Amino acid sequence: LANLLDDLATSWLQPSNICIHADQPCPVHPSELGPQVAWHEGPAEFSRIRSGVGKPASDWCVLIDGGTRLEPFSLFELLKATRSSGSAWVVYAADDVRQADGADIPNLKGGGNVELLRHTNYLGGVMAVKEAAWALLPDRHLYRAGYRLALEATVQLGAKGLLYVDKVISHQPSHQHVGAETAEFNAA
């Protein structure tokens, strides 16, 4: 978490709000996280905070999986893609995965392969989602809800529901891939 907050601090674009969803209490006093950071412990607190909100604060929300590292240009690239989004609900990008030997293996995914997405979550550790669609999901406090939204977007809009940034904008540790697809598939 500290690494991700450091990554965001060096970002070309600064996020207006950072919501951390965790199944444990904040390890420090929440005031030490900064004024734009909110710690939400468990789904009940997150649902309570989000309920009753009329208009979303923004059109898009960036979801970042725990352990994912960002480049300084990551938010800029996602924002640039959302500006040309048309009807898309989800923007995802290329990433790389850190191997046990320390080498980074690029994961260049290509755009909008609906059939592959129905069988495996290739979206990666960071994605931008349409706030209005994401806010309706009951399990939006979980990162894998982004995968559920991507599947729903392809049902409603086909490949036009997804946008792809053809640039490595994030880095994932290898442990995120072990068993993650089973949990995501079961959630979807």
N, C-alpha and C. Protein backbone atom coordinates (compact mmCIF):
# COMPACT_ATOMS: atom_id res chain seq x y z
N LEU A 1 0.82 -1.18 0.00
CA LEU A 1 0.00 0.00 0.00
C LEU A 1 0.87 1.26 0.00
N ALA A 2 1.90 1.24 0.80
CA ALA A 2 2.80 2.40 0.84
C ALA A 2 3.44 2.63 -0.53
N ASN A 3 3.82 1.54 -1.21
CA ASN A 3 4.40 1.68 -2.55
C ASN A 3 3.41 2.30 -3.52
N LEU A 4 2.16 1.86 -3.46
CA LEU A 4 1.15 2.41 -4.36
C LEU A 4 0.91 3.88 -4.07
N LEU A 5 0.82 4.26 -2.81
CA LEU A 5 0.64 5.68 -2.47
C LEU A 5 1.83 6.50 -2.95
N ASP A 6 3.03 5.93 -2.86
CA ASP A 6 4.22 6.61 -3.41
C ASP A 6 4.10 6.77 -4.92
N ASP A 7 3.62 5.69 -5.61
CA ASP A 7 3.44 5.76 -7.06
C ASP A 7 2.45 6.87 -7.42
N LEU A 8 1.35 6.95 -6.68
CA LEU A 8 0.35 7.99 -6.95
C LEU A 8 0.90 9.38 -6.69
N ALA A 9 1.77 9.51 -5.69
CA ALA A 9 2.36 10.81 -5.38
C ALA A 9 3.25 11.31 -6.51
N THR A 10 3.85 10.40 -7.29
CA THR A 10 4.72 10.80 -8.40
C THR A 10 3.98 10.80 -9.74
N SER A 11 2.68 10.58 -9.69
CA SER A 11 1.88 10.52 -10.91
C SER A 11 1.81 11.88 -11.60
N TRP A 12 1.77 11.86 -12.93
CA TRP A 12 1.62 13.09 -13.69
C TRP A 12 0.28 13.76 -13.37
N LEU A 13 -0.73 12.97 -13.10
CA LEU A 13 -2.05 13.47 -12.70
C LEU A 13 -2.30 13.01 -11.27
N GLN A 14 -2.78 13.89 -10.44
CA GLN A 14 -3.06 13.52 -9.05
C GLN A 14 -4.54 13.14 -8.92
N PRO A 15 -4.83 12.02 -8.27
CA PRO A 15 -6.24 11.65 -8.08
C PRO A 15 -6.93 12.62 -7.12
N SER A 16 -8.21 12.86 -7.37
CA SER A 16 -8.96 13.77 -6.48
C SER A 16 -9.34 13.06 -5.19
N ASN A 17 -9.59 11.77 -5.26
CA ASN A 17 -9.93 10.97 -4.08
C ASN A 17 -9.28 9.60 -4.22
N ILE A 18 -8.86 9.05 -3.09
CA ILE A 18 -8.34 7.70 -3.05
C ILE A 18 -9.14 6.96 -1.98
N CYS A 19 -9.84 5.91 -2.40
CA CYS A 19 -10.61 5.08 -1.46
C CYS A 19 -9.92 3.73 -1.35
N ILE A 20 -9.50 3.38 -0.15
CA ILE A 20 -8.85 2.10 0.09
C ILE A 20 -9.87 1.17 0.73
N HIS A 21 -10.08 0.02 0.10
CA HIS A 21 -11.03 -0.97 0.61
C HIS A 21 -10.23 -2.15 1.15
N ALA A 22 -10.35 -2.39 2.44
CA ALA A 22 -9.55 -3.43 3.08
C ALA A 22 -10.42 -4.24 4.04
N ASP A 23 -9.98 -5.43 4.31
CA ASP A 23 -10.67 -6.30 5.27
C ASP A 23 -10.02 -6.21 6.64
N GLN A 24 -9.30 -5.15 6.89
CA GLN A 24 -8.61 -4.98 8.17
C GLN A 24 -8.56 -3.49 8.51
N PRO A 25 -8.32 -3.20 9.77
CA PRO A 25 -8.25 -1.79 10.16
C PRO A 25 -7.03 -1.10 9.55
N CYS A 26 -7.12 0.19 9.46
CA CYS A 26 -6.01 1.00 8.94
C CYS A 26 -4.81 0.82 9.86
N PRO A 27 -3.62 0.55 9.31
CA PRO A 27 -2.44 0.32 10.14
C PRO A 27 -1.91 1.58 10.84
N VAL A 28 -2.34 2.73 10.39
CA VAL A 28 -1.94 4.01 11.00
C VAL A 28 -3.21 4.81 11.26
N HIS A 29 -3.09 5.90 11.96
CA HIS A 29 -4.26 6.76 12.13
C HIS A 29 -4.66 7.29 10.76
N PRO A 30 -5.95 7.21 10.39
CA PRO A 30 -6.37 7.63 9.05
C PRO A 30 -5.94 9.04 8.65
N SER A 31 -5.76 9.93 9.60
CA SER A 31 -5.33 11.29 9.26
C SER A 31 -3.92 11.30 8.67
N GLU A 32 -3.12 10.26 8.96
CA GLU A 32 -1.76 10.19 8.42
C GLU A 32 -1.75 9.84 6.94
N LEU A 33 -2.88 9.37 6.41
CA LEU A 33 -2.95 8.99 4.99
C LEU A 33 -3.11 10.19 4.07
N GLY A 34 -3.53 11.31 4.62
CA GLY A 34 -3.73 12.52 3.82
C GLY A 34 -5.20 12.83 3.64
N PRO A 35 -5.49 14.07 3.27
CA PRO A 35 -6.89 14.51 3.21
C PRO A 35 -7.71 13.88 2.08
N GLN A 36 -7.07 13.45 0.99
CA GLN A 36 -7.83 12.88 -0.11
C GLN A 36 -7.96 11.37 -0.03
N VAL A 37 -7.45 10.75 1.07
CA VAL A 37 -7.48 9.29 1.21
C VAL A 37 -8.51 8.89 2.25
N ALA A 38 -9.37 7.94 1.88
CA ALA A 38 -10.36 7.40 2.81
C ALA A 38 -10.16 5.90 2.94
N TRP A 39 -10.09 5.41 4.16
CA TRP A 39 -9.92 3.98 4.44
C TRP A 39 -11.28 3.38 4.75
N HIS A 40 -11.68 2.36 3.99
CA HIS A 40 -12.97 1.69 4.20
C HIS A 40 -12.69 0.26 4.62
N GLU A 41 -13.03 -0.05 5.85
CA GLU A 41 -12.77 -1.38 6.37
C GLU A 41 -13.97 -2.28 6.13
N GLY A 42 -13.84 -3.20 5.20
CA GLY A 42 -14.90 -4.16 4.91
C GLY A 42 -16.01 -3.58 4.04
N PRO A 43 -16.83 -4.47 3.47
CA PRO A 43 -17.87 -4.04 2.53
C PRO A 43 -19.00 -3.24 3.18
N ALA A 44 -19.32 -3.51 4.43
CA ALA A 44 -20.44 -2.81 5.07
C ALA A 44 -20.16 -1.31 5.15
N GLU A 45 -18.95 -0.94 5.57
CA GLU A 45 -18.61 0.48 5.69
C GLU A 45 -18.60 1.15 4.32
N PHE A 46 -18.06 0.45 3.32
CA PHE A 46 -18.02 1.02 1.98
C PHE A 46 -19.43 1.22 1.43
N SER A 47 -20.31 0.23 1.59
CA SER A 47 -21.68 0.35 1.11
C SER A 47 -22.40 1.49 1.82
N ARG A 48 -22.18 1.62 3.11
CA ARG A 48 -22.83 2.69 3.88
C ARG A 48 -22.38 4.06 3.38
N ILE A 49 -21.11 4.20 3.12
CA ILE A 49 -20.57 5.49 2.67
C ILE A 49 -21.08 5.82 1.27
N ARG A 50 -21.16 4.83 0.40
CA ARG A 50 -21.55 5.06 -0.99
C ARG A 50 -23.06 5.20 -1.14
N SER A 51 -23.85 4.64 -0.23
CA SER A 51 -25.29 4.67 -0.40
C SER A 51 -25.82 6.09 -0.29
N GLY A 52 -26.87 6.36 -1.00
CA GLY A 52 -27.50 7.67 -0.94
C GLY A 52 -26.80 8.72 -1.78
N VAL A 53 -25.75 8.36 -2.47
CA VAL A 53 -25.05 9.33 -3.31
C VAL A 53 -25.86 9.49 -4.60
N GLY A 54 -26.27 10.71 -4.91
CA GLY A 54 -27.06 10.95 -6.11
C GLY A 54 -26.22 10.84 -7.36
N LYS A 55 -25.60 11.91 -7.76
CA LYS A 55 -24.76 11.92 -8.95
C LYS A 55 -23.34 11.54 -8.56
N PRO A 56 -22.71 10.64 -9.33
CA PRO A 56 -21.33 10.28 -9.02
C PRO A 56 -20.41 11.50 -9.05
N ALA A 57 -19.36 11.45 -8.25
CA ALA A 57 -18.40 12.57 -8.18
C ALA A 57 -17.68 12.75 -9.51
N SER A 58 -17.52 11.69 -10.28
CA SER A 58 -16.87 11.77 -11.58
C SER A 58 -17.48 10.71 -12.49
N ASP A 59 -17.16 10.81 -13.77
CA ASP A 59 -17.69 9.84 -14.72
C ASP A 59 -16.96 8.51 -14.64
N TRP A 60 -15.67 8.56 -14.28
CA TRP A 60 -14.83 7.36 -14.27
C TRP A 60 -14.16 7.20 -12.91
N CYS A 61 -13.89 5.96 -12.58
CA CYS A 61 -13.18 5.61 -11.35
C CYS A 61 -12.06 4.65 -11.72
N VAL A 62 -10.89 4.81 -11.14
CA VAL A 62 -9.77 3.91 -11.42
C VAL A 62 -9.69 2.89 -10.29
N LEU A 63 -9.70 1.61 -10.65
CA LEU A 63 -9.56 0.51 -9.69
C LEU A 63 -8.14 -0.02 -9.79
N ILE A 64 -7.51 -0.22 -8.64
CA ILE A 64 -6.14 -0.73 -8.60
C ILE A 64 -6.10 -1.89 -7.63
N ASP A 65 -5.67 -3.04 -8.10
CA ASP A 65 -5.58 -4.23 -7.26
C ASP A 65 -4.40 -4.11 -6.31
N GLY A 66 -4.54 -4.67 -5.11
CA GLY A 66 -3.46 -4.65 -4.13
C GLY A 66 -2.18 -5.25 -4.68
N GLY A 67 -1.08 -4.60 -4.44
CA GLY A 67 0.23 -5.08 -4.91
C GLY A 67 0.63 -4.55 -6.27
N THR A 68 -0.30 -3.94 -6.99
CA THR A 68 0.00 -3.39 -8.31
C THR A 68 0.80 -2.10 -8.16
N ARG A 69 1.82 -1.95 -8.98
CA ARG A 69 2.62 -0.72 -9.03
C ARG A 69 2.28 0.04 -10.31
N LEU A 70 2.35 1.35 -10.25
CA LEU A 70 1.99 2.19 -11.39
C LEU A 70 3.19 2.96 -11.92
N GLU A 71 3.10 3.35 -13.17
CA GLU A 71 4.06 4.27 -13.78
C GLU A 71 3.56 5.69 -13.54
N PRO A 72 4.42 6.71 -13.61
CA PRO A 72 3.96 8.09 -13.44
C PRO A 72 2.89 8.50 -14.46
N PHE A 73 2.89 7.87 -15.63
CA PHE A 73 1.95 8.22 -16.69
C PHE A 73 0.69 7.34 -16.70
N SER A 74 0.53 6.43 -15.75
CA SER A 74 -0.59 5.48 -15.76
C SER A 74 -1.94 6.18 -15.76
N LEU A 75 -2.18 7.09 -14.82
CA LEU A 75 -3.47 7.77 -14.75
C LEU A 75 -3.71 8.64 -15.98
N PHE A 76 -2.65 9.26 -16.50
CA PHE A 76 -2.77 10.07 -17.71
C PHE A 76 -3.25 9.21 -18.89
N GLU A 77 -2.66 8.03 -19.05
CA GLU A 77 -3.04 7.15 -20.17
C GLU A 77 -4.49 6.67 -20.03
N LEU A 78 -4.90 6.34 -18.80
CA LEU A 78 -6.28 5.93 -18.60
C LEU A 78 -7.24 7.09 -18.88
N LEU A 79 -6.90 8.29 -18.39
CA LEU A 79 -7.74 9.46 -18.63
C LEU A 79 -7.85 9.74 -20.12
N LYS A 80 -6.74 9.67 -20.83
CA LYS A 80 -6.73 9.92 -22.27
C LYS A 80 -7.68 8.94 -22.97
N ALA A 81 -7.67 7.68 -22.56
CA ALA A 81 -8.55 6.68 -23.18
C ALA A 81 -10.01 6.96 -22.85
N THR A 82 -10.30 7.39 -21.62
CA THR A 82 -11.69 7.66 -21.27
C THR A 82 -12.26 8.83 -22.06
N ARG A 83 -11.42 9.75 -22.50
CA ARG A 83 -11.88 10.91 -23.28
C ARG A 83 -12.39 10.50 -24.66
N SER A 84 -11.94 9.34 -25.13
CA SER A 84 -12.39 8.83 -26.43
C SER A 84 -13.22 7.56 -26.26
N SER A 85 -13.86 7.42 -25.09
CA SER A 85 -14.46 6.14 -24.72
C SER A 85 -15.73 5.79 -25.46
N GLY A 86 -16.45 6.77 -25.99
CA GLY A 86 -17.73 6.44 -26.62
C GLY A 86 -18.65 5.79 -25.60
N SER A 87 -19.08 4.59 -25.88
CA SER A 87 -20.00 3.90 -24.99
C SER A 87 -19.31 2.92 -24.05
N ALA A 88 -18.00 2.83 -24.07
CA ALA A 88 -17.27 1.84 -23.26
C ALA A 88 -17.51 2.05 -21.76
N TRP A 89 -17.48 0.95 -21.02
CA TRP A 89 -17.63 0.97 -19.57
C TRP A 89 -16.31 0.70 -18.86
N VAL A 90 -15.36 0.05 -19.54
CA VAL A 90 -14.10 -0.39 -18.91
C VAL A 90 -12.92 -0.05 -19.82
N VAL A 91 -11.87 0.53 -19.23
CA VAL A 91 -10.61 0.76 -19.92
C VAL A 91 -9.54 -0.05 -19.18
N TYR A 92 -8.81 -0.88 -19.90
CA TYR A 92 -7.74 -1.67 -19.31
C TYR A 92 -6.48 -1.46 -20.14
N ALA A 93 -5.35 -1.97 -19.66
CA ALA A 93 -4.09 -1.68 -20.34
C ALA A 93 -3.13 -2.86 -20.24
N ALA A 94 -2.06 -2.76 -21.00
CA ALA A 94 -0.98 -3.72 -20.90
C ALA A 94 -0.30 -3.56 -19.54
N ASP A 95 0.26 -4.64 -19.05
CA ASP A 95 1.00 -4.61 -17.80
C ASP A 95 2.18 -5.56 -17.92
N ASP A 96 2.94 -5.68 -16.89
CA ASP A 96 3.94 -6.74 -16.85
C ASP A 96 3.86 -7.43 -15.50
N VAL A 97 4.40 -8.65 -15.49
CA VAL A 97 4.34 -9.49 -14.30
C VAL A 97 5.75 -9.81 -13.85
N ARG A 98 6.04 -9.56 -12.59
CA ARG A 98 7.36 -9.84 -12.02
C ARG A 98 7.49 -11.34 -11.79
N GLN A 99 8.53 -11.94 -12.35
CA GLN A 99 8.80 -13.37 -12.19
C GLN A 99 9.67 -13.61 -10.96
N ALA A 100 9.78 -14.86 -10.56
CA ALA A 100 10.56 -15.21 -9.37
C ALA A 100 12.02 -14.79 -9.51
N ASP A 101 12.56 -14.80 -10.73
CA ASP A 101 13.96 -14.42 -10.94
C ASP A 101 14.15 -12.90 -11.03
N GLY A 102 13.05 -12.15 -10.88
CA GLY A 102 13.13 -10.69 -10.92
C GLY A 102 12.88 -10.08 -12.28
N ALA A 103 12.77 -10.91 -13.32
CA ALA A 103 12.52 -10.39 -14.66
C ALA A 103 11.05 -9.99 -14.80
N ASP A 104 10.80 -8.94 -15.57
CA ASP A 104 9.45 -8.50 -15.85
C ASP A 104 9.05 -9.00 -17.23
N ILE A 105 7.92 -9.70 -17.29
CA ILE A 105 7.42 -10.24 -18.56
C ILE A 105 6.22 -9.40 -18.99
N PRO A 106 6.31 -8.69 -20.14
CA PRO A 106 5.18 -7.88 -20.59
C PRO A 106 3.95 -8.75 -20.90
N ASN A 107 2.80 -8.22 -20.58
CA ASN A 107 1.53 -8.89 -20.84
C ASN A 107 0.73 -7.96 -21.76
N LEU A 108 1.03 -8.03 -23.06
CA LEU A 108 0.35 -7.20 -24.06
C LEU A 108 -0.88 -7.97 -24.51
N LYS A 109 -2.06 -7.43 -24.28
CA LYS A 109 -3.29 -8.20 -24.39
C LYS A 109 -4.07 -7.97 -25.67
N GLY A 110 -3.87 -6.87 -26.31
CA GLY A 110 -4.70 -6.55 -27.46
C GLY A 110 -6.06 -6.05 -26.99
N GLY A 111 -6.88 -5.63 -27.90
CA GLY A 111 -8.14 -5.02 -27.50
C GLY A 111 -9.35 -5.90 -27.69
N GLY A 112 -10.22 -5.88 -26.71
CA GLY A 112 -11.58 -6.39 -26.80
C GLY A 112 -11.81 -7.80 -27.29
N ASN A 113 -11.07 -8.77 -26.83
CA ASN A 113 -11.33 -10.16 -27.20
C ASN A 113 -12.40 -10.70 -26.25
N VAL A 114 -13.65 -10.58 -26.67
CA VAL A 114 -14.79 -10.92 -25.82
C VAL A 114 -14.80 -12.40 -25.45
N GLU A 115 -14.52 -13.26 -26.41
CA GLU A 115 -14.55 -14.70 -26.12
C GLU A 115 -13.48 -15.10 -25.11
N LEU A 116 -12.28 -14.54 -25.25
CA LEU A 116 -11.23 -14.84 -24.28
C LEU A 116 -11.58 -14.29 -22.90
N LEU A 117 -12.16 -13.09 -22.86
CA LEU A 117 -12.53 -12.50 -21.57
C LEU A 117 -13.55 -13.35 -20.83
N ARG A 118 -14.44 -14.01 -21.54
CA ARG A 118 -15.44 -14.87 -20.90
C ARG A 118 -14.81 -16.09 -20.25
N HIS A 119 -13.58 -16.41 -20.63
CA HIS A 119 -12.91 -17.59 -20.09
C HIS A 119 -11.78 -17.28 -19.13
N THR A 120 -11.21 -16.09 -19.26
CA THR A 120 -10.11 -15.72 -18.37
C THR A 120 -10.07 -14.21 -18.20
N ASN A 121 -9.73 -13.78 -17.02
CA ASN A 121 -9.62 -12.35 -16.76
C ASN A 121 -8.22 -11.89 -17.16
N TYR A 122 -8.13 -11.23 -18.29
CA TYR A 122 -6.84 -10.72 -18.76
C TYR A 122 -6.71 -9.22 -18.55
N LEU A 123 -7.59 -8.61 -17.76
CA LEU A 123 -7.64 -7.15 -17.63
C LEU A 123 -6.44 -6.56 -16.90
N GLY A 124 -5.86 -7.29 -15.97
CA GLY A 124 -4.68 -6.78 -15.26
C GLY A 124 -5.02 -6.14 -13.92
N GLY A 125 -4.05 -5.44 -13.35
CA GLY A 125 -4.16 -4.91 -12.00
C GLY A 125 -4.65 -3.49 -11.88
N VAL A 126 -4.93 -2.83 -12.99
CA VAL A 126 -5.48 -1.47 -12.96
C VAL A 126 -6.44 -1.31 -14.13
N MET A 127 -7.58 -0.69 -13.85
CA MET A 127 -8.55 -0.41 -14.91
C MET A 127 -9.38 0.81 -14.51
N ALA A 128 -9.88 1.49 -15.51
CA ALA A 128 -10.83 2.58 -15.29
C ALA A 128 -12.21 2.04 -15.61
N VAL A 129 -13.18 2.36 -14.78
CA VAL A 129 -14.54 1.88 -14.98
C VAL A 129 -15.51 3.06 -14.93
N LYS A 130 -16.60 2.97 -15.70
CA LYS A 130 -17.65 3.99 -15.65
C LYS A 130 -18.25 3.97 -14.26
N GLU A 131 -18.19 5.09 -13.58
CA GLU A 131 -18.66 5.19 -12.21
C GLU A 131 -20.13 4.80 -12.08
N ALA A 132 -20.98 5.24 -12.99
CA ALA A 132 -22.41 4.96 -12.89
C ALA A 132 -22.70 3.47 -12.98
N ALA A 133 -22.00 2.74 -13.82
CA ALA A 133 -22.21 1.29 -13.94
C ALA A 133 -21.58 0.54 -12.77
N TRP A 134 -20.38 0.93 -12.37
CA TRP A 134 -19.67 0.25 -11.28
C TRP A 134 -20.39 0.43 -9.95
N ALA A 135 -20.98 1.60 -9.71
CA ALA A 135 -21.64 1.89 -8.44
C ALA A 135 -22.85 1.00 -8.20
N LEU A 136 -23.40 0.38 -9.25
CA LEU A 136 -24.56 -0.48 -9.10
C LEU A 136 -24.21 -1.90 -8.65
N LEU A 137 -22.94 -2.27 -8.71
CA LEU A 137 -22.54 -3.63 -8.36
C LEU A 137 -22.58 -3.85 -6.85
N PRO A 138 -23.12 -4.97 -6.41
CA PRO A 138 -23.20 -5.22 -4.96
C PRO A 138 -21.84 -5.49 -4.31
N ASP A 139 -20.88 -5.99 -5.08
CA ASP A 139 -19.57 -6.34 -4.52
C ASP A 139 -18.48 -5.39 -5.02
N ARG A 140 -18.83 -4.12 -5.24
CA ARG A 140 -17.87 -3.18 -5.82
C ARG A 140 -16.69 -2.88 -4.91
N HIS A 141 -16.75 -3.29 -3.66
CA HIS A 141 -15.62 -3.10 -2.76
C HIS A 141 -14.49 -4.07 -3.08
N LEU A 142 -14.75 -5.08 -3.91
CA LEU A 142 -13.74 -6.05 -4.31
C LEU A 142 -13.19 -5.69 -5.69
N TYR A 143 -11.89 -5.85 -5.87
CA TYR A 143 -11.29 -5.51 -7.16
C TYR A 143 -11.90 -6.35 -8.28
N ARG A 144 -12.22 -7.59 -8.00
CA ARG A 144 -12.74 -8.47 -9.04
C ARG A 144 -14.10 -8.01 -9.58
N ALA A 145 -14.76 -7.06 -8.92
CA ALA A 145 -16.00 -6.51 -9.45
C ALA A 145 -15.75 -5.82 -10.80
N GLY A 146 -14.54 -5.35 -11.03
CA GLY A 146 -14.20 -4.77 -12.33
C GLY A 146 -14.31 -5.80 -13.44
N TYR A 147 -13.93 -7.03 -13.15
CA TYR A 147 -14.07 -8.12 -14.12
C TYR A 147 -15.55 -8.39 -14.39
N ARG A 148 -16.35 -8.39 -13.32
CA ARG A 148 -17.78 -8.59 -13.49
C ARG A 148 -18.36 -7.48 -14.39
N LEU A 149 -17.94 -6.26 -14.16
CA LEU A 149 -18.42 -5.14 -14.97
C LEU A 149 -17.98 -5.28 -16.42
N ALA A 150 -16.75 -5.71 -16.64
CA ALA A 150 -16.27 -5.92 -18.01
C ALA A 150 -17.11 -6.98 -18.73
N LEU A 151 -17.43 -8.06 -18.03
CA LEU A 151 -18.28 -9.09 -18.64
C LEU A 151 -19.66 -8.53 -18.97
N GLU A 152 -20.23 -7.77 -18.06
CA GLU A 152 -21.55 -7.17 -18.30
C GLU A 152 -21.48 -6.18 -19.46
N ALA A 153 -20.39 -5.42 -19.55
CA ALA A 153 -20.22 -4.46 -20.65
C ALA A 153 -20.20 -5.19 -21.99
N THR A 154 -19.54 -6.35 -22.05
CA THR A 154 -19.48 -7.08 -23.31
C THR A 154 -20.84 -7.71 -23.65
N VAL A 155 -21.63 -8.06 -22.64
CA VAL A 155 -22.97 -8.57 -22.91
C VAL A 155 -23.83 -7.44 -23.50
N GLN A 156 -23.76 -6.26 -22.91
CA GLN A 156 -24.59 -5.13 -23.33
C GLN A 156 -24.09 -4.47 -24.62
N LEU A 157 -22.76 -4.35 -24.77
CA LEU A 157 -22.20 -3.54 -25.85
C LEU A 157 -21.24 -4.29 -26.78
N GLY A 158 -20.98 -5.55 -26.50
CA GLY A 158 -19.99 -6.29 -27.28
C GLY A 158 -18.59 -5.75 -27.00
N ALA A 159 -17.70 -5.85 -27.98
CA ALA A 159 -16.32 -5.39 -27.81
C ALA A 159 -16.25 -3.88 -27.60
N LYS A 160 -17.28 -3.13 -27.99
CA LYS A 160 -17.30 -1.67 -27.80
C LYS A 160 -17.40 -1.30 -26.32
N GLY A 161 -17.71 -2.26 -25.47
CA GLY A 161 -17.80 -2.01 -24.03
C GLY A 161 -16.44 -1.89 -23.37
N LEU A 162 -15.38 -2.24 -24.09
CA LEU A 162 -14.02 -2.24 -23.55
C LEU A 162 -13.11 -1.37 -24.40
N LEU A 163 -12.17 -0.69 -23.74
CA LEU A 163 -11.12 0.05 -24.44
C LEU A 163 -9.77 -0.45 -23.92
N TYR A 164 -8.79 -0.44 -24.77
CA TYR A 164 -7.47 -0.96 -24.43
C TYR A 164 -6.39 0.09 -24.64
N VAL A 165 -5.52 0.26 -23.64
CA VAL A 165 -4.35 1.12 -23.74
C VAL A 165 -3.16 0.21 -24.06
N ASP A 166 -2.59 0.38 -25.24
CA ASP A 166 -1.52 -0.50 -25.71
C ASP A 166 -0.16 -0.01 -25.24
N LYS A 167 -0.03 0.09 -23.92
CA LYS A 167 1.21 0.54 -23.31
C LYS A 167 1.27 -0.07 -21.91
N VAL A 168 2.44 -0.53 -21.50
CA VAL A 168 2.58 -1.07 -20.14
C VAL A 168 2.49 0.08 -19.15
N ILE A 169 1.40 0.10 -18.35
CA ILE A 169 1.21 1.18 -17.38
C ILE A 169 1.23 0.68 -15.94
N SER A 170 1.31 -0.65 -15.75
CA SER A 170 1.33 -1.17 -14.39
C SER A 170 2.17 -2.43 -14.31
N HIS A 171 2.53 -2.77 -13.08
CA HIS A 171 3.39 -3.92 -12.81
C HIS A 171 2.75 -4.73 -11.70
N GLN A 172 2.60 -6.03 -11.94
CA GLN A 172 1.97 -6.90 -10.96
C GLN A 172 2.96 -7.92 -10.42
N PRO A 173 2.90 -8.17 -9.12
CA PRO A 173 3.71 -9.28 -8.59
C PRO A 173 3.12 -10.60 -9.06
N SER A 174 3.94 -11.63 -9.19
CA SER A 174 3.46 -12.90 -9.73
C SER A 174 2.42 -13.56 -8.85
N HIS A 175 2.40 -13.30 -7.54
CA HIS A 175 1.43 -13.97 -6.67
C HIS A 175 -0.01 -13.60 -6.97
N GLN A 176 -0.25 -12.49 -7.67
CA GLN A 176 -1.62 -12.09 -7.97
C GLN A 176 -2.27 -13.04 -8.96
N HIS A 177 -1.50 -13.77 -9.72
CA HIS A 177 -2.08 -14.64 -10.73
C HIS A 177 -2.43 -16.01 -10.18
N VAL A 178 -1.83 -16.42 -9.08
CA VAL A 178 -2.05 -17.76 -8.55
C VAL A 178 -3.44 -17.84 -7.91
N GLY A 179 -4.33 -18.59 -8.54
CA GLY A 179 -5.67 -18.80 -8.00
C GLY A 179 -6.62 -17.63 -8.18
N ALA A 180 -6.15 -16.52 -8.71
CA ALA A 180 -7.01 -15.34 -8.84
C ALA A 180 -8.13 -15.56 -9.84
N GLU A 181 -7.84 -16.26 -10.93
CA GLU A 181 -8.87 -16.44 -11.95
C GLU A 181 -10.05 -17.25 -11.44
N THR A 182 -9.80 -18.24 -10.60
CA THR A 182 -10.90 -19.04 -10.07
C THR A 182 -11.82 -18.19 -9.23
N ALA A 183 -11.27 -17.37 -8.36
CA ALA A 183 -12.10 -16.50 -7.53
C ALA A 183 -12.86 -15.50 -8.38
N GLU A 184 -12.21 -14.94 -9.41
CA GLU A 184 -12.87 -13.97 -10.28
C GLU A 184 -13.97 -14.61 -11.10
N PHE A 185 -13.71 -15.82 -11.61
CA PHE A 185 -14.71 -16.51 -12.41
C PHE A 185 -15.94 -16.84 -11.57
N ASN A 186 -15.71 -17.28 -10.34
CA ASN A 186 -16.82 -17.59 -9.45
C ASN A 186 -17.62 -16.34 -9.10
N ALA A 187 -16.95 -15.19 -8.98
CA ALA A 187 -17.64 -13.94 -8.67
C ALA A 187 -18.48 -13.47 -9.84
N ALA A 188 -17.98 -13.69 -11.04
CA ALA A 188 -18.67 -13.21 -12.23
C ALA A 188 -19.83 -14.11 -12.54
